[in-house]
Amino acid sequence: QVQLAESGGGLVQAGGSLRLSCAASGRAFSSLAMGWFRQAPGKERDFVAAITWSGTYYADSVKTRVTISRDNAKNTVYLQMNTLKPEDTAVYYCAADLGRQTATSILLADSYTYWGQGTRVTVSS
């Protein structure tokens, strides 16, 4: 079992930055594929970024503005978001899975077993 807890969300003006954190507990963190997804009101949950032993993956909509990283010593994954836009407003969820992921499966919410409760990000114009 893996427990995930996100933090770092909040209200920020357009053009600003935020760093989200996701602390994991319960299983060997370094073995986990970790992802960030977001869900805006009335919309589906969308892939943002992911990190595995083989590399990092980004949604096209954010790849020039977002960096995902992990600190295995702290059991934490981070999502640094820069040049935020109002359309980035959403609840951001951290997700994890122990299974081996492909470059395709890593983009899919259904590929992740464990989810956090989410942290809200609001970007004002």
C-alpha atoms as a PDB file:
ATOM      1  CA  GLN A   1       0.000   0.000   0.000  1.00  0.00           C
ATOM      2  CA  VAL A   2       1.153   3.523  -0.826  1.00  0.00           C
ATOM      3  CA  GLN A   3      -0.120   6.715   0.728  1.00  0.00           C
ATOM      4  CA  LEU A   4       0.315   9.996  -1.101  1.00  0.00           C
ATOM      5  CA  ALA A   5      -0.096  13.512   0.233  1.00  0.00           C
ATOM      6  CA  GLU A   6       0.109  16.573  -1.979  1.00  0.00           C
ATOM      7  CA  SER A   7       0.931  20.082  -0.848  1.00  0.00           C
ATOM      8  CA  GLY A   8       1.940  23.401  -2.302  1.00  0.00           C
ATOM      9  CA  GLY A   9      -1.201  24.485  -4.078  1.00  0.00           C
ATOM     10  CA  GLY A  10      -2.718  27.914  -3.709  1.00  0.00           C
ATOM     11  CA  LEU A  11      -3.680  31.132  -5.399  1.00  0.00           C
ATOM     12  CA  VAL A  12      -1.163  32.730  -7.732  1.00  0.00           C
ATOM     13  CA  GLN A  13      -1.277  35.442 -10.345  1.00  0.00           C
ATOM     14  CA  ALA A  14      -0.769  34.652 -13.996  1.00  0.00           C
ATOM     15  CA  GLY A  15       2.918  34.505 -14.787  1.00  0.00           C
ATOM     16  CA  GLY A  16       3.776  33.282 -11.316  1.00  0.00           C
ATOM     17  CA  SER A  17       5.232  30.000 -10.129  1.00  0.00           C
ATOM     18  CA  LEU A  18       4.334  27.230  -7.739  1.00  0.00           C
ATOM     19  CA  ARG A  19       6.050  24.090  -6.605  1.00  0.00           C
ATOM     20  CA  LEU A  20       3.830  21.183  -5.703  1.00  0.00           C
ATOM     21  CA  SER A  21       5.086  18.388  -3.510  1.00  0.00           C
ATOM     22  CA  CYS A  22       3.874  14.843  -3.083  1.00  0.00           C
ATOM     23  CA  ALA A  23       5.103  12.864  -0.111  1.00  0.00           C
ATOM     24  CA  ALA A  24       4.812   9.101  -0.380  1.00  0.00           C
ATOM     25  CA  SER A  25       4.861   6.467   2.302  1.00  0.00           C
ATOM     26  CA  GLY A  26       4.335   2.746   2.552  1.00  0.00           C
ATOM     27  CA  ARG A  27       6.480   1.175  -0.147  1.00  0.00           C
ATOM     28  CA  ALA A  28       9.921   1.556  -1.679  1.00  0.00           C
ATOM     29  CA  PHE A  29       9.616   5.005  -3.172  1.00  0.00           C
ATOM     30  CA  SER A  30      12.401   4.597  -5.678  1.00  0.00           C
ATOM     31  CA  SER A  31      10.492   1.724  -7.296  1.00  0.00           C
ATOM     32  CA  LEU A  32       7.421   3.813  -7.926  1.00  0.00           C
ATOM     33  CA  ALA A  33       6.420   5.435 -11.166  1.00  0.00           C
ATOM     34  CA  MET A  34       5.115   8.838 -10.116  1.00  0.00           C
ATOM     35  CA  GLY A  35       2.754  11.074 -12.018  1.00  0.00           C
ATOM     36  CA  TRP A  36       0.906  14.350 -11.748  1.00  0.00           C
ATOM     37  CA  PHE A  37      -2.556  14.830 -13.166  1.00  0.00           C
ATOM     38  CA  ARG A  38      -4.957  17.732 -12.989  1.00  0.00           C
ATOM     39  CA  GLN A  39      -8.683  18.140 -13.163  1.00  0.00           C
ATOM     40  CA  ALA A  40     -10.376  21.426 -13.909  1.00  0.00           C
ATOM     41  CA  PRO A  41     -14.031  21.973 -13.003  1.00  0.00           C
ATOM     42  CA  GLY A  42     -16.296  20.067 -15.350  1.00  0.00           C
ATOM     43  CA  LYS A  43     -13.408  18.421 -17.169  1.00  0.00           C
ATOM     44  CA  GLU A  44     -11.681  15.081 -17.168  1.00  0.00           C
ATOM     45  CA  ARG A  45      -8.519  14.329 -15.263  1.00  0.00           C
ATOM     46  CA  ASP A  46      -5.578  15.102 -17.550  1.00  0.00           C
ATOM     47  CA  PHE A  47      -1.974  13.988 -17.510  1.00  0.00           C
ATOM     48  CA  VAL A  48       0.577  16.656 -16.617  1.00  0.00           C
ATOM     49  CA  ALA A  49       3.907  14.950 -15.987  1.00  0.00           C
ATOM     50  CA  ALA A  50       5.464  11.707 -14.830  1.00  0.00           C
ATOM     51  CA  ILE A  51       8.798  10.347 -13.737  1.00  0.00           C
ATOM     52  CA  THR A  52      10.100   6.792 -13.728  1.00  0.00           C
ATOM     53  CA  TRP A  53      13.466   5.127 -13.579  1.00  0.00           C
ATOM     54  CA  SER A  54      13.715   5.581 -17.346  1.00  0.00           C
ATOM     55  CA  GLY A  55      12.966   9.266 -17.596  1.00  0.00           C
ATOM     56  CA  THR A  56      10.467  12.091 -17.448  1.00  0.00           C
ATOM     57  CA  TYR A  57       7.324  12.672 -19.456  1.00  0.00           C
ATOM     58  CA  TYR A  58       5.299  15.825 -20.009  1.00  0.00           C
ATOM     59  CA  ALA A  59       2.018  16.845 -21.547  1.00  0.00           C
ATOM     60  CA  ASP A  60       2.527  19.031 -24.599  1.00  0.00           C
ATOM     61  CA  SER A  61       0.479  21.791 -23.001  1.00  0.00           C
ATOM     62  CA  VAL A  62       2.917  22.269 -20.141  1.00  0.00           C
ATOM     63  CA  LYS A  63       6.280  20.837 -21.187  1.00  0.00           C
ATOM     64  CA  THR A  64       7.990  24.205 -21.610  1.00  0.00           C
ATOM     65  CA  ARG A  65       6.773  25.459 -18.219  1.00  0.00           C
ATOM     66  CA  VAL A  66       6.847  22.450 -15.912  1.00  0.00           C
ATOM     67  CA  THR A  67       9.548  20.283 -14.384  1.00  0.00           C
ATOM     68  CA  ILE A  68       8.975  17.064 -12.492  1.00  0.00           C
ATOM     69  CA  SER A  69      11.624  15.747 -10.153  1.00  0.00           C
ATOM     70  CA  ARG A  70      11.985  13.369  -7.255  1.00  0.00           C
ATOM     71  CA  ASP A  71      14.044  13.083  -4.108  1.00  0.00           C
ATOM     72  CA  ASN A  72      14.231   9.427  -3.205  1.00  0.00           C
ATOM     73  CA  ALA A  73      15.843  10.230   0.128  1.00  0.00           C
ATOM     74  CA  LYS A  74      12.778  12.270   1.087  1.00  0.00           C
ATOM     75  CA  ASN A  75      10.218  10.026  -0.611  1.00  0.00           C
ATOM     76  CA  THR A  76       8.924  13.078  -2.402  1.00  0.00           C
ATOM     77  CA  VAL A  77       8.133  14.055  -5.955  1.00  0.00           C
ATOM     78  CA  TYR A  78       7.916  17.677  -7.021  1.00  0.00           C
ATOM     79  CA  LEU A  79       6.182  19.572  -9.771  1.00  0.00           C
ATOM     80  CA  GLN A  80       7.702  22.967 -10.468  1.00  0.00           C
ATOM     81  CA  MET A  81       5.311  25.077 -12.485  1.00  0.00           C
ATOM     82  CA  ASN A  82       6.383  28.368 -14.018  1.00  0.00           C
ATOM     83  CA  THR A  83       4.694  31.047 -16.091  1.00  0.00           C
ATOM     84  CA  LEU A  84       1.326  29.886 -14.829  1.00  0.00           C
ATOM     85  CA  LYS A  85      -1.774  30.659 -16.851  1.00  0.00           C
ATOM     86  CA  PRO A  86      -5.433  30.868 -15.812  1.00  0.00           C
ATOM     87  CA  GLU A  87      -6.040  27.658 -17.765  1.00  0.00           C
ATOM     88  CA  ASP A  88      -3.700  25.882 -15.348  1.00  0.00           C
ATOM     89  CA  THR A  89      -6.348  26.308 -12.673  1.00  0.00           C
ATOM     90  CA  ALA A  90      -7.296  22.832 -11.450  1.00  0.00           C
ATOM     91  CA  VAL A  91      -6.972  20.340  -8.670  1.00  0.00           C
ATOM     92  CA  TYR A  92      -3.612  18.652  -9.066  1.00  0.00           C
ATOM     93  CA  TYR A  93      -3.309  15.012  -8.120  1.00  0.00           C
ATOM     94  CA  CYS A  94      -0.260  12.933  -7.420  1.00  0.00           C
ATOM     95  CA  ALA A  95      -0.361   9.306  -8.531  1.00  0.00           C
ATOM     96  CA  ALA A  96       1.885   6.300  -8.137  1.00  0.00           C
ATOM     97  CA  ASP A  97       2.228   2.785  -9.416  1.00  0.00           C
ATOM     98  CA  LEU A  98       4.594  -0.096  -8.848  1.00  0.00           C
ATOM     99  CA  GLY A  99       4.101  -1.659 -12.242  1.00  0.00           C
ATOM    100  CA  ARG A 100       6.390  -1.289 -15.194  1.00  0.00           C
ATOM    101  CA  GLN A 101       5.171   1.571 -17.364  1.00  0.00           C
ATOM    102  CA  THR A 102       5.616   2.289 -21.032  1.00  0.00           C
ATOM    103  CA  ALA A 103       5.862   5.674 -22.672  1.00  0.00           C
ATOM    104  CA  THR A 104       2.187   5.305 -23.519  1.00  0.00           C
ATOM    105  CA  SER A 105       0.796   3.826 -20.333  1.00  0.00           C
ATOM    106  CA  ILE A 106       2.522   6.428 -18.164  1.00  0.00           C
ATOM    107  CA  LEU A 107       0.207   9.064 -19.655  1.00  0.00           C
ATOM    108  CA  LEU A 108      -2.990   7.293 -18.606  1.00  0.00           C
ATOM    109  CA  ALA A 109      -4.727   7.772 -15.270  1.00  0.00           C
ATOM    110  CA  ASP A 110      -5.883   4.153 -15.333  1.00  0.00           C
ATOM    111  CA  SER A 111      -2.238   3.040 -15.189  1.00  0.00           C
ATOM    112  CA  TYR A 112      -1.841   4.320 -11.636  1.00  0.00           C
ATOM    113  CA  THR A 113      -2.986   2.433  -8.579  1.00  0.00           C
ATOM    114  CA  TYR A 114      -2.465   5.004  -5.856  1.00  0.00           C
ATOM    115  CA  TRP A 115      -3.750   8.551  -5.702  1.00  0.00           C
ATOM    116  CA  GLY A 116      -3.508  11.480  -3.363  1.00  0.00           C
ATOM    117  CA  GLN A 117      -6.384  13.725  -2.336  1.00  0.00           C
ATOM    118  CA  GLY A 118      -5.280  16.579  -4.550  1.00  0.00           C
ATOM    119  CA  THR A 119      -4.144  20.135  -4.046  1.00  0.00           C
ATOM    120  CA  ARG A 120      -5.936  23.067  -5.587  1.00  0.00           C
ATOM    121  CA  VAL A 121      -4.151  25.529  -7.836  1.00  0.00           C
ATOM    122  CA  THR A 122      -5.899  28.734  -8.821  1.00  0.00           C
ATOM    123  CA  VAL A 123      -4.293  31.120 -11.279  1.00  0.00           C
ATOM    124  CA  SER A 124      -5.843  34.562 -11.470  1.00  0.00           C
ATOM    125  CA  SER A 125      -5.636  36.711 -14.576  1.00  0.00           C
END
